[in-house]
Amino acid sequence: MLDLTYDTPKPKIIAGAKHDWELVIGMEVHAQVSSNAKLFSGASTKFGAEPNNNVAFVDAGMPGMLPVINEECVAQAVRTGLGLKAEIHLNSAFDRKNYFYPDLPQGYQISQLYHPIVGEGEVLVEMGDGTARNVRIERIHLEQDAGKSIHDMDPNMSFVDLNRTGVALMEIVSRPDIRSPEEAAAFVVKLRQILRYLGTCDGNMQSGSMRADVNVSICRPGQFEKYMETQDFSHLGTRCEIKNMNSMRFIQAAIMVEANRQIKIVEGGGSVDQETRLYDPDKNETRSMRSKEEAHDYRYFPDPDLLPLEIEQAWVDDLAANLPELPDAKKSRFISDFDLSDYDASVLTADGESAAYFESVADGRNGKLAANWVINELFGRLKKEDHDITESPVSPAQLGSIIDLISSDAISGKIAKDLFEIVYTEGGDPAEIVEARGMKQVTDTGAIEAALDEIIAANPAQVEKAKENPKLAGWFVGQVMKATGGKANPKAVNQLVSQKLKG
């Protein structure tokens, strides 16, 4: 059972020079919406296109071009909210966030400051020690992505690629409920898992489809509990935001570096300035990017080109009725239906493709045996070769056939591993391979007994030792297996060895 510790989280204590400190962390995750077209134009969102190929007139900020909302992007945001058990706002609105940068051709970003499409939700974050707790989601809003400035192609000029401009983003904002670097990484992992199951974001952090801004502050022990009671942020320290984190490892490292920087400032008699910072993994330090702007610095105002967004409850209900089974529900079902451990179920439901593969293999078979083969043999081999389940050369039907041969005693576990290697590298039908290569297990007790009798006759001294110490009987089992090329039924061999040595 999971220990839900939402009301009494276990914080990471950081020993300072003078005092002990606790971490308080909030996350702002930017997730690119999975859609074929951008938020307000029909331009393609395909990654890897030649620079400035996926740009419509409205994306380029051409005069007179009006944005038109992409319904699928709205649907994806609603699906995400439903998957996070969040409140869906039937009425929302878009605002203009004004700032000037070369890769923002309109001179503003269309976002949702005051009336987001999704309200409060939650993410159940499971930790490695078997505990879990809820991290509250404050809001999810839709907004446009900016373009990309490129500074390393010419020593004298910078270039701008607008392919990403106008791509729909969901900004998923958590409450400052996270208490350790490990929990922050686990939160992002779980959030990415849910988005992938929903099909609302591919979660590819390397290509920028998912990026995290981390808000870090420190407080003395006991202050977080006061904040939880009152929701008064004055009990917490001044936060600094670390922008554009795209690695779980870097998220954890940056949090610790920033926390220690803040502790050093405060214990030295100074005060932490609220600002936006960047993490440099090469130097393992954060550095100032800009002072933290308040909302009025962006001169937000309702976008005059877009009417308030109104959606119907019946439409939301239809989206909810067609959601896929989500990770937590699937994990619970795997534990119940297939009698799996919590760990095995977690591994098998880490992503939708792995879960579907396992369920196909386990259908009508022993769930534990199927899980062992999928996790230990297949996943282990794929990981070794840096492949994922979608690249598996062994199909669910092939692996299922190997398990059937084991269950029917046609082959032993050792032969099954040899068979798996053949199927993995050469392909083919496992049952046909067993017949063609003479890999069937020897179940004829007469043949096994004959082999054992020869070994006993040739090793009288070993027989006497085994009679005095039954643990040495394994030597005879090994010799029989060797004599039969590993094809003898291990269970039958053990029974016969036991009988002969007792006699």
Protein backbone atom coordinates (compact mmCIF):
# COMPACT_ATOMS: atom_id res chain seq x y z
CA MET A 1 0.00 0.00 0.00
CA LEU A 2 1.12 3.54 -0.71
CA ASP A 3 1.62 5.91 2.21
CA LEU A 4 -0.07 9.15 1.20
CA THR A 5 1.78 11.85 3.10
CA TYR A 6 0.25 14.98 1.61
CA ASP A 7 -0.40 16.60 4.99
CA THR A 8 2.95 15.60 6.47
CA PRO A 9 5.53 15.64 3.65
CA LYS A 10 9.05 14.55 4.44
CA PRO A 11 11.26 17.53 3.57
CA LYS A 12 14.91 17.39 2.64
CA ILE A 13 16.88 19.00 5.45
CA ILE A 14 19.91 21.01 4.31
CA ALA A 15 22.48 21.71 6.97
CA GLY A 16 23.63 25.31 6.74
CA ALA A 17 26.57 26.96 8.44
CA LYS A 18 24.34 28.27 11.24
CA HIS A 19 20.91 26.68 10.84
CA ASP A 20 19.05 23.81 9.24
CA TRP A 21 16.96 24.70 6.20
CA GLU A 22 14.16 23.13 4.21
CA LEU A 23 13.48 23.34 0.50
CA VAL A 24 10.26 24.60 -1.03
CA ILE A 25 9.83 23.94 -4.74
CA GLY A 26 7.18 24.80 -7.28
CA MET A 27 7.21 23.79 -10.94
CA GLU A 28 6.03 25.43 -14.16
CA VAL A 29 6.09 22.82 -16.89
CA HIS A 30 5.71 23.88 -20.52
CA ALA A 31 4.31 20.97 -22.52
CA GLN A 32 3.95 21.25 -26.29
CA VAL A 33 0.46 20.23 -27.33
CA SER A 34 0.35 17.24 -29.67
CA SER A 35 -1.45 18.60 -32.72
CA ASN A 36 -0.82 18.82 -36.44
CA ALA A 37 -1.33 22.58 -36.57
CA LYS A 38 -0.40 25.54 -34.38
CA LEU A 39 -2.62 27.21 -31.79
CA PHE A 40 -3.87 30.04 -33.99
CA SER A 41 -2.83 29.03 -37.53
CA GLY A 42 -2.82 26.07 -39.87
CA ALA A 43 0.98 25.92 -40.08
CA SER A 44 2.57 22.53 -39.45
CA THR A 45 4.08 21.66 -36.07
CA LYS A 46 6.38 18.95 -37.47
CA PHE A 47 9.72 18.91 -35.71
CA GLY A 48 12.95 19.08 -37.70
CA ALA A 49 11.69 21.04 -40.72
CA GLU A 50 14.02 23.44 -42.51
CA PRO A 51 14.19 26.83 -40.72
CA ASN A 52 11.20 29.11 -41.31
CA ASN A 53 9.27 26.55 -43.38
CA ASN A 54 6.40 26.05 -40.91
CA VAL A 55 5.32 29.67 -40.68
CA ALA A 56 1.92 31.16 -41.55
CA PHE A 57 1.34 34.88 -42.01
CA VAL A 58 -0.25 35.20 -38.57
CA ASP A 59 2.76 33.48 -36.96
CA ALA A 60 5.09 35.94 -38.67
CA GLY A 61 3.12 38.90 -37.31
CA MET A 62 2.06 40.19 -40.74
CA PRO A 63 -0.30 43.19 -40.59
CA GLY A 64 -4.00 42.39 -40.70
CA MET A 65 -3.60 38.67 -39.96
CA LEU A 66 -6.10 37.39 -37.39
CA PRO A 67 -5.68 34.36 -35.13
CA VAL A 68 -8.17 31.48 -35.41
CA ILE A 69 -8.33 29.07 -32.46
CA ASN A 70 -7.40 25.45 -33.12
CA GLU A 71 -10.17 23.32 -31.56
CA GLU A 72 -7.93 20.27 -31.20
CA CYS A 73 -5.48 22.24 -29.06
CA VAL A 74 -8.34 23.22 -26.77
CA ALA A 75 -9.47 19.59 -26.62
CA GLN A 76 -5.95 18.47 -25.72
CA ALA A 77 -5.79 20.98 -22.86
CA VAL A 78 -9.15 19.75 -21.56
CA ARG A 79 -8.02 16.12 -21.79
CA THR A 80 -4.92 17.03 -19.81
CA GLY A 81 -7.00 18.73 -17.15
CA LEU A 82 -9.28 15.71 -16.90
CA GLY A 83 -6.27 13.41 -16.61
CA LEU A 84 -4.99 15.51 -13.69
CA LYS A 85 -8.41 15.46 -11.98
CA ALA A 86 -8.61 19.19 -12.46
CA GLU A 87 -11.47 21.64 -12.75
CA ILE A 88 -12.34 22.47 -16.36
CA HIS A 89 -13.40 26.07 -16.90
CA LEU A 90 -16.21 26.33 -19.44
CA ASN A 91 -15.33 30.01 -19.85
CA SER A 92 -11.75 31.16 -20.38
CA ALA A 93 -10.06 34.00 -22.21
CA PHE A 94 -6.81 34.92 -23.96
CA ASP A 95 -4.56 37.84 -23.09
CA ARG A 96 -1.64 39.54 -24.76
CA LYS A 97 1.65 39.35 -22.90
CA ASN A 98 3.74 42.13 -24.37
CA TYR A 99 7.49 41.89 -24.65
CA PHE A 100 9.94 42.44 -27.48
CA TYR A 101 12.44 39.89 -28.69
CA PRO A 102 13.71 39.00 -32.18
CA ASP A 103 12.05 35.56 -32.18
CA LEU A 104 8.64 36.99 -31.18
CA PRO A 105 7.56 38.70 -34.42
CA GLN A 106 4.15 39.84 -33.14
CA GLY A 107 5.72 41.70 -30.25
CA TYR A 108 3.46 39.85 -27.84
CA GLN A 109 2.57 36.34 -26.80
CA ILE A 110 -1.05 35.21 -26.68
CA SER A 111 -1.55 33.53 -23.32
CA GLN A 112 -4.12 33.10 -20.52
CA LEU A 113 -3.24 35.04 -17.39
CA TYR A 114 -6.54 35.86 -15.76
CA HIS A 115 -8.91 33.14 -17.01
CA PRO A 116 -7.10 29.84 -17.70
CA ILE A 117 -8.90 26.92 -19.31
CA VAL A 118 -8.02 24.49 -16.48
CA GLY A 119 -8.09 25.10 -12.75
CA GLU A 120 -6.92 23.15 -9.72
CA GLY A 121 -5.90 19.50 -10.02
CA GLU A 122 -3.36 17.08 -8.58
CA VAL A 123 -0.57 14.65 -9.44
CA LEU A 124 0.14 11.59 -7.30
CA VAL A 125 3.93 11.38 -7.06
CA GLU A 126 5.43 8.04 -6.01
CA MET A 127 8.86 7.95 -4.44
CA GLY A 128 11.44 5.20 -4.39
CA ASP A 129 10.88 4.45 -0.69
CA GLY A 130 7.34 3.24 -1.39
CA THR A 131 5.61 6.42 -0.23
CA ALA A 132 3.52 8.74 -2.37
CA ARG A 133 1.91 12.12 -2.00
CA ASN A 134 -0.22 14.54 -3.95
CA VAL A 135 1.30 17.63 -5.52
CA ARG A 136 -1.39 20.19 -6.19
CA ILE A 137 -1.78 21.71 -9.64
CA GLU A 138 -2.77 25.37 -9.51
CA ARG A 139 -3.72 25.87 -13.16
CA ILE A 140 -3.11 24.94 -16.77
CA HIS A 141 -3.28 27.60 -19.43
CA LEU A 142 -2.80 27.62 -23.18
CA GLU A 143 -0.28 29.91 -24.84
CA GLN A 144 1.87 30.32 -27.93
CA ASP A 145 5.49 29.28 -28.03
CA ALA A 146 8.13 31.73 -29.24
CA GLY A 147 10.66 31.14 -32.01
CA LYS A 148 14.32 30.28 -31.67
CA SER A 149 17.32 32.59 -31.86
CA ILE A 150 20.51 30.98 -33.15
CA HIS A 151 23.80 32.58 -32.14
CA ASP A 152 26.45 30.04 -33.11
CA MET A 153 26.22 29.98 -36.93
CA ASP A 154 28.05 33.24 -37.61
CA PRO A 155 30.50 35.28 -35.51
CA ASN A 156 28.83 38.56 -36.42
CA MET A 157 25.13 37.75 -36.79
CA SER A 158 22.31 35.94 -35.07
CA PHE A 159 19.63 34.04 -36.96
CA VAL A 160 15.97 33.50 -36.17
CA ASP A 161 13.94 30.35 -36.87
CA LEU A 162 10.19 30.91 -36.54
CA ASN A 163 9.09 27.30 -37.04
CA ARG A 164 8.22 27.00 -33.36
CA THR A 165 6.47 30.37 -33.21
CA GLY A 166 2.78 29.93 -32.48
CA VAL A 167 3.03 26.26 -31.52
CA ALA A 168 0.53 25.52 -28.74
CA LEU A 169 1.90 25.08 -25.24
CA MET A 170 0.22 24.03 -22.03
CA GLU A 171 1.80 25.70 -19.02
CA ILE A 172 1.15 23.40 -16.07
CA VAL A 173 1.74 25.25 -12.80
CA SER A 174 2.11 23.42 -9.50
CA ARG A 175 1.71 24.75 -6.01
CA PRO A 176 4.96 25.02 -4.00
CA ASP A 177 4.30 21.59 -2.48
CA ILE A 178 7.51 19.82 -3.57
CA ARG A 179 10.08 19.34 -0.83
CA SER A 180 13.18 17.76 -2.38
CA PRO A 181 15.13 17.56 -5.66
CA GLU A 182 14.20 13.88 -5.96
CA GLU A 183 10.51 14.70 -5.58
CA ALA A 184 10.79 17.46 -8.19
CA ALA A 185 12.23 14.99 -10.72
CA ALA A 186 9.61 12.38 -9.78
CA PHE A 187 6.87 14.98 -10.32
CA VAL A 188 8.10 15.73 -13.84
CA VAL A 189 8.46 12.01 -14.62
CA LYS A 190 4.90 11.31 -13.45
CA LEU A 191 3.47 14.32 -15.26
CA ARG A 192 5.22 13.29 -18.49
CA GLN A 193 3.90 9.74 -18.08
CA ILE A 194 0.32 11.00 -17.75
CA LEU A 195 0.63 13.32 -20.76
CA ARG A 196 2.00 10.49 -22.89
CA TYR A 197 -0.80 8.16 -21.86
CA LEU A 198 -3.31 10.87 -22.75
CA GLY A 199 -1.57 11.58 -26.06
CA THR A 200 -1.60 15.32 -25.33
CA CYS A 201 2.21 15.81 -25.38
CA ASP A 202 4.99 13.49 -26.52
CA GLY A 203 7.12 14.53 -23.52
CA ASN A 204 10.34 14.62 -25.52
CA MET A 205 12.56 16.86 -23.43
CA GLN A 206 15.52 16.58 -25.80
CA SER A 207 13.60 18.22 -28.65
CA GLY A 208 12.03 20.83 -26.36
CA SER A 209 8.52 19.37 -26.33
CA MET A 210 8.60 19.52 -22.55
CA ARG A 211 10.55 22.02 -20.48
CA ALA A 212 10.43 22.82 -16.79
CA ASP A 213 10.95 26.07 -14.91
CA VAL A 214 11.80 25.38 -11.27
CA ASN A 215 10.97 27.85 -8.50
CA VAL A 216 13.26 27.32 -5.51
CA SER A 217 13.17 28.90 -2.06
CA ILE A 218 14.39 27.98 1.41
CA CYS A 219 12.73 28.24 4.81
CA ARG A 220 13.44 27.26 8.39
CA PRO A 221 11.91 24.00 9.67
CA GLY A 222 8.25 24.47 10.61
CA GLN A 223 7.60 27.39 8.28
CA PHE A 224 6.19 25.22 5.48
CA GLU A 225 3.60 23.79 7.83
CA LYS A 226 2.51 27.35 8.68
CA TYR A 227 2.21 28.10 4.97
CA MET A 228 0.07 24.98 4.48
CA GLU A 229 -2.23 26.06 7.30
CA THR A 230 -2.62 29.66 6.14
CA GLN A 231 -1.61 29.60 2.44
CA ASP A 232 0.36 32.72 3.34
CA PHE A 233 3.51 32.87 1.21
CA SER A 234 5.22 35.16 3.73
CA HIS A 235 6.15 32.05 5.69
CA LEU A 236 8.32 30.93 2.78
CA GLY A 237 11.56 32.43 1.54
CA THR A 238 11.99 34.53 -1.60
CA ARG A 239 11.90 32.27 -4.61
CA CYS A 240 14.15 32.26 -7.64
CA GLU A 241 13.13 30.67 -10.92
CA ILE A 242 15.52 28.43 -12.87
CA LYS A 243 14.47 28.48 -16.52
CA ASN A 244 14.26 25.87 -19.25
CA MET A 245 15.34 22.67 -17.53
CA ASN A 246 15.18 19.67 -19.87
CA SER A 247 16.78 16.88 -17.83
CA MET A 248 15.77 15.13 -14.60
CA ARG A 249 19.40 15.00 -13.55
CA PHE A 250 19.92 18.70 -14.18
CA ILE A 251 16.68 19.58 -12.37
CA GLN A 252 17.95 17.87 -9.22
CA ALA A 253 21.45 19.33 -9.49
CA ALA A 254 20.18 22.87 -10.15
CA ILE A 255 17.84 22.78 -7.15
CA MET A 256 20.64 21.85 -4.76
CA VAL A 257 23.03 24.42 -6.21
CA GLU A 258 20.43 27.16 -5.98
CA ALA A 259 19.36 26.19 -2.46
CA ASN A 260 22.94 26.31 -1.21
CA ARG A 261 23.47 29.67 -2.93
CA GLN A 262 20.43 31.09 -1.13
CA ILE A 263 21.50 29.65 2.23
CA LYS A 264 24.92 31.24 1.87
CA ILE A 265 23.35 34.64 1.12
CA VAL A 266 20.87 34.52 4.01
CA GLU A 267 23.33 33.18 6.58
CA GLY A 268 25.78 35.86 5.45
CA GLY A 269 23.27 38.54 6.44
CA GLY A 270 21.96 39.30 2.95
CA SER A 271 18.60 38.81 1.29
CA VAL A 272 17.65 36.79 -1.77
CA ASP A 273 16.44 38.81 -4.76
CA GLN A 274 13.52 37.37 -6.71
CA GLU A 275 14.89 36.76 -10.17
CA THR A 276 15.10 34.38 -13.09
CA ARG A 277 18.29 32.32 -13.29
CA LEU A 278 19.89 29.78 -15.64
CA TYR A 279 21.67 26.60 -14.66
CA ASP A 280 25.12 25.92 -16.13
CA PRO A 281 25.74 22.15 -15.90
CA ASP A 282 29.40 22.50 -16.92
CA LYS A 283 30.15 24.80 -13.98
CA ASN A 284 27.37 23.36 -11.79
CA GLU A 285 26.11 26.81 -10.89
CA THR A 286 23.14 29.08 -11.48
CA ARG A 287 23.62 32.57 -12.85
CA SER A 288 21.32 35.55 -13.10
CA MET A 289 19.31 35.90 -16.30
CA ARG A 290 17.03 38.81 -15.41
CA SER A 291 15.21 40.30 -12.46
CA LYS A 292 11.81 38.70 -12.01
CA GLU A 293 9.14 40.69 -13.80
CA GLU A 294 5.73 41.20 -12.29
CA ALA A 295 2.58 40.86 -14.42
CA HIS A 296 2.30 44.63 -14.95
CA ASP A 297 5.73 44.66 -16.59
CA TYR A 298 4.25 42.70 -19.48
CA ARG A 299 1.28 45.08 -19.88
CA TYR A 300 -1.23 42.23 -20.06
CA PHE A 301 -4.61 43.02 -21.55
CA PRO A 302 -7.38 40.90 -23.16
CA ASP A 303 -6.56 40.00 -26.75
CA PRO A 304 -8.88 42.16 -28.90
CA ASP A 305 -8.77 39.69 -31.81
CA LEU A 306 -10.11 36.73 -29.81
CA LEU A 307 -13.51 36.37 -28.21
CA PRO A 308 -13.73 34.69 -24.80
CA LEU A 309 -13.47 30.92 -25.20
CA GLU A 310 -16.70 29.15 -24.27
CA ILE A 311 -17.02 25.37 -24.30
CA GLU A 312 -19.99 23.15 -23.45
CA GLN A 313 -20.16 20.68 -20.61
CA ALA A 314 -21.48 18.00 -22.96
CA TRP A 315 -18.32 18.35 -25.06
CA VAL A 316 -16.15 18.04 -21.95
CA ASP A 317 -18.14 14.98 -20.84
CA ASP A 318 -17.61 13.36 -24.24
CA LEU A 319 -13.84 13.93 -23.98
CA ALA A 320 -13.87 12.47 -20.47
CA ALA A 321 -15.77 9.38 -21.60
CA ASN A 322 -13.13 8.65 -24.23
CA LEU A 323 -10.01 9.09 -22.12
CA PRO A 324 -7.62 6.12 -22.11
CA GLU A 325 -6.90 4.17 -18.95
CA LEU A 326 -4.36 6.25 -17.03
CA PRO A 327 -1.16 5.01 -15.33
CA ASP A 328 -2.41 4.78 -11.74
CA ALA A 329 -5.56 2.90 -12.75
CA LYS A 330 -3.62 0.59 -15.07
CA LYS A 331 -1.04 -0.14 -12.38
CA SER A 332 -3.75 -1.05 -9.86
CA ARG A 333 -5.43 -3.32 -12.42
CA PHE A 334 -2.16 -5.07 -13.29
CA ILE A 335 -1.53 -5.76 -9.59
CA SER A 336 -5.04 -7.13 -9.19
CA ASP A 337 -5.51 -9.01 -12.47
CA PHE A 338 -2.01 -10.43 -12.88
CA ASP A 339 -0.98 -10.76 -9.21
CA LEU A 340 2.06 -8.55 -9.76
CA SER A 341 4.20 -6.76 -7.20
CA ASP A 342 3.97 -2.98 -6.92
CA TYR A 343 7.46 -2.70 -8.42
CA ASP A 344 6.76 -4.93 -11.43
CA ALA A 345 3.48 -3.14 -12.13
CA SER A 346 5.27 0.22 -11.97
CA VAL A 347 7.91 -0.90 -14.48
CA LEU A 348 5.32 -2.35 -16.87
CA THR A 349 3.11 0.76 -16.80
CA ALA A 350 5.95 3.27 -17.13
CA ASP A 351 4.71 4.01 -20.64
CA GLY A 352 1.69 3.00 -22.66
CA GLU A 353 3.63 0.97 -25.22
CA SER A 354 5.27 -1.21 -22.56
CA ALA A 355 1.96 -1.75 -20.81
CA ALA A 356 0.24 -2.77 -24.05
CA TYR A 357 3.10 -5.15 -24.93
CA PHE A 358 2.95 -6.86 -21.54
CA GLU A 359 -0.83 -7.15 -21.58
CA SER A 360 -0.69 -8.83 -24.98
CA VAL A 361 1.95 -11.30 -23.74
CA ALA A 362 0.08 -11.99 -20.48
CA ASP A 363 -3.32 -12.51 -22.09
CA GLY A 364 -4.46 -16.02 -21.08
CA ARG A 365 -1.08 -16.81 -19.48
CA ASN A 366 0.54 -16.72 -16.06
CA GLY A 367 0.93 -13.02 -15.30
CA LYS A 368 3.97 -13.35 -13.04
CA LEU A 369 5.81 -15.53 -15.55
CA ALA A 370 4.96 -13.09 -18.35
CA ALA A 371 6.14 -10.14 -16.24
CA ASN A 372 9.46 -11.85 -15.45
CA TRP A 373 10.18 -12.48 -19.12
CA VAL A 374 9.11 -9.01 -20.27
CA ILE A 375 11.02 -7.16 -17.53
CA ASN A 376 14.12 -9.28 -17.03
CA GLU A 377 14.81 -10.76 -20.44
CA LEU A 378 13.25 -8.37 -22.96
CA PHE A 379 13.56 -5.00 -21.18
CA GLY A 380 17.03 -5.96 -19.96
CA ARG A 381 18.21 -6.74 -23.46
CA LEU A 382 16.60 -3.64 -24.97
CA LYS A 383 18.16 -1.39 -22.33
CA LYS A 384 21.57 -2.91 -22.95
CA GLU A 385 21.25 -2.02 -26.64
CA ASP A 386 19.71 1.42 -25.90
CA HIS A 387 16.40 0.53 -27.56
CA ASP A 388 12.84 0.99 -26.37
CA ILE A 389 9.87 -1.36 -26.59
CA THR A 390 8.77 0.04 -29.95
CA GLU A 391 12.06 -1.24 -31.41
CA SER A 392 11.75 -4.75 -29.99
CA PRO A 393 12.64 -7.46 -32.53
CA VAL A 394 10.57 -9.92 -30.47
CA SER A 395 6.81 -9.50 -30.89
CA PRO A 396 4.31 -10.16 -28.09
CA ALA A 397 3.15 -13.25 -29.99
CA GLN A 398 6.70 -14.63 -30.16
CA LEU A 399 7.40 -14.03 -26.48
CA GLY A 400 4.01 -15.47 -25.59
CA SER A 401 4.86 -18.59 -27.58
CA ILE A 402 8.12 -19.02 -25.62
CA ILE A 403 6.16 -18.77 -22.36
CA ASP A 404 3.65 -21.35 -23.65
CA LEU A 405 6.50 -23.76 -24.38
CA ILE A 406 7.80 -23.28 -20.82
CA SER A 407 4.36 -23.73 -19.26
CA SER A 408 3.74 -26.95 -21.21
CA ASP A 409 7.14 -28.36 -20.14
CA ALA A 410 8.17 -28.56 -23.79
CA ILE A 411 11.34 -26.63 -22.89
CA SER A 412 13.18 -25.80 -19.68
CA GLY A 413 13.99 -22.32 -18.42
CA LYS A 414 17.58 -22.68 -19.63
CA ILE A 415 16.50 -23.78 -23.09
CA ALA A 416 13.98 -20.93 -23.11
CA LYS A 417 16.81 -18.41 -22.69
CA ASP A 418 18.68 -19.97 -25.59
CA LEU A 419 15.47 -19.89 -27.64
CA PHE A 420 14.86 -16.24 -26.73
CA GLU A 421 18.36 -15.38 -28.01
CA ILE A 422 17.64 -17.10 -31.32
CA VAL A 423 14.27 -15.34 -31.74
CA TYR A 424 15.78 -11.97 -30.74
CA THR A 425 18.65 -12.18 -33.23
CA GLU A 426 17.19 -14.30 -36.04
CA GLY A 427 13.41 -14.11 -35.69
CA GLY A 428 11.11 -16.99 -36.47
CA ASP A 429 8.33 -18.99 -34.82
CA PRO A 430 9.55 -20.30 -31.41
CA ALA A 431 7.65 -23.60 -31.65
CA GLU A 432 9.04 -24.32 -35.11
CA ILE A 433 12.57 -23.45 -33.97
CA VAL A 434 12.30 -25.90 -31.06
CA GLU A 435 11.19 -28.71 -33.40
CA ALA A 436 13.71 -27.94 -36.13
CA ARG A 437 16.71 -27.65 -33.79
CA GLY A 438 15.83 -30.49 -31.44
CA MET A 439 15.50 -28.24 -28.42
CA LYS A 440 12.59 -30.07 -26.81
CA GLN A 441 12.96 -30.93 -23.16
CA VAL A 442 13.60 -34.58 -22.31
CA THR A 443 10.69 -35.71 -20.17
CA ASP A 444 11.21 -39.44 -20.65
CA THR A 445 12.14 -40.53 -17.12
CA GLY A 446 13.63 -43.72 -18.51
CA ALA A 447 16.21 -41.81 -20.53
CA ILE A 448 16.94 -39.47 -17.62
CA GLU A 449 17.30 -42.44 -15.21
CA ALA A 450 19.70 -44.19 -17.59
CA ALA A 451 21.93 -41.10 -17.74
CA LEU A 452 21.81 -40.74 -13.95
CA ASP A 453 22.68 -44.42 -13.38
CA GLU A 454 25.80 -44.06 -15.51
CA ILE A 455 26.91 -41.00 -13.52
CA ILE A 456 26.28 -42.73 -10.18
CA ALA A 457 28.17 -45.84 -11.26
CA ALA A 458 31.16 -43.74 -12.34
CA ASN A 459 31.28 -41.64 -9.14
CA PRO A 460 30.85 -43.88 -6.06
CA ALA A 461 32.86 -41.55 -3.81
CA GLN A 462 30.64 -38.60 -4.72
CA VAL A 463 27.58 -40.74 -3.98
CA GLU A 464 28.79 -41.42 -0.44
CA LYS A 465 29.48 -37.71 0.16
CA ALA A 466 26.00 -36.79 -1.10
CA LYS A 467 24.37 -39.34 1.17
CA GLU A 468 26.17 -37.77 4.14
CA ASN A 469 25.45 -34.22 2.98
CA PRO A 470 22.22 -33.94 0.89
CA LYS A 471 23.24 -30.46 -0.27
CA LEU A 472 25.80 -32.12 -2.56
CA ALA A 473 22.99 -33.77 -4.55
CA GLY A 474 23.03 -30.73 -6.81
CA TRP A 475 26.26 -32.00 -8.34
CA PHE A 476 24.41 -35.01 -9.78
CA VAL A 477 21.64 -32.78 -11.10
CA GLY A 478 24.23 -30.68 -12.91
CA GLN A 479 25.93 -33.74 -14.38
CA VAL A 480 22.62 -35.10 -15.71
CA MET A 481 21.77 -31.76 -17.26
CA LYS A 482 25.22 -31.66 -18.84
CA ALA A 483 24.87 -35.21 -20.17
CA THR A 484 21.50 -34.41 -21.75
CA GLY A 485 22.62 -31.10 -23.25
CA GLY A 486 20.46 -29.18 -20.79
CA LYS A 487 17.32 -30.77 -22.20
CA ALA A 488 16.32 -32.91 -19.24
CA ASN A 489 13.33 -31.78 -17.23
CA PRO A 490 14.92 -30.26 -14.08
CA LYS A 491 12.00 -31.26 -11.89
CA ALA A 492 12.22 -34.90 -13.03
CA VAL A 493 15.99 -34.89 -12.59
CA ASN A 494 15.75 -33.60 -9.01
CA GLN A 495 13.15 -36.22 -8.10
CA LEU A 496 15.20 -39.08 -9.52
CA VAL A 497 18.43 -37.89 -7.90
CA SER A 498 16.67 -37.69 -4.54
CA GLN A 499 15.24 -41.19 -4.93
CA LYS A 500 18.54 -42.78 -6.05
CA LEU A 501 20.62 -41.22 -3.28
CA LYS A 502 18.12 -42.25 -0.61
CA GLY A 503 18.16 -45.80 -1.97
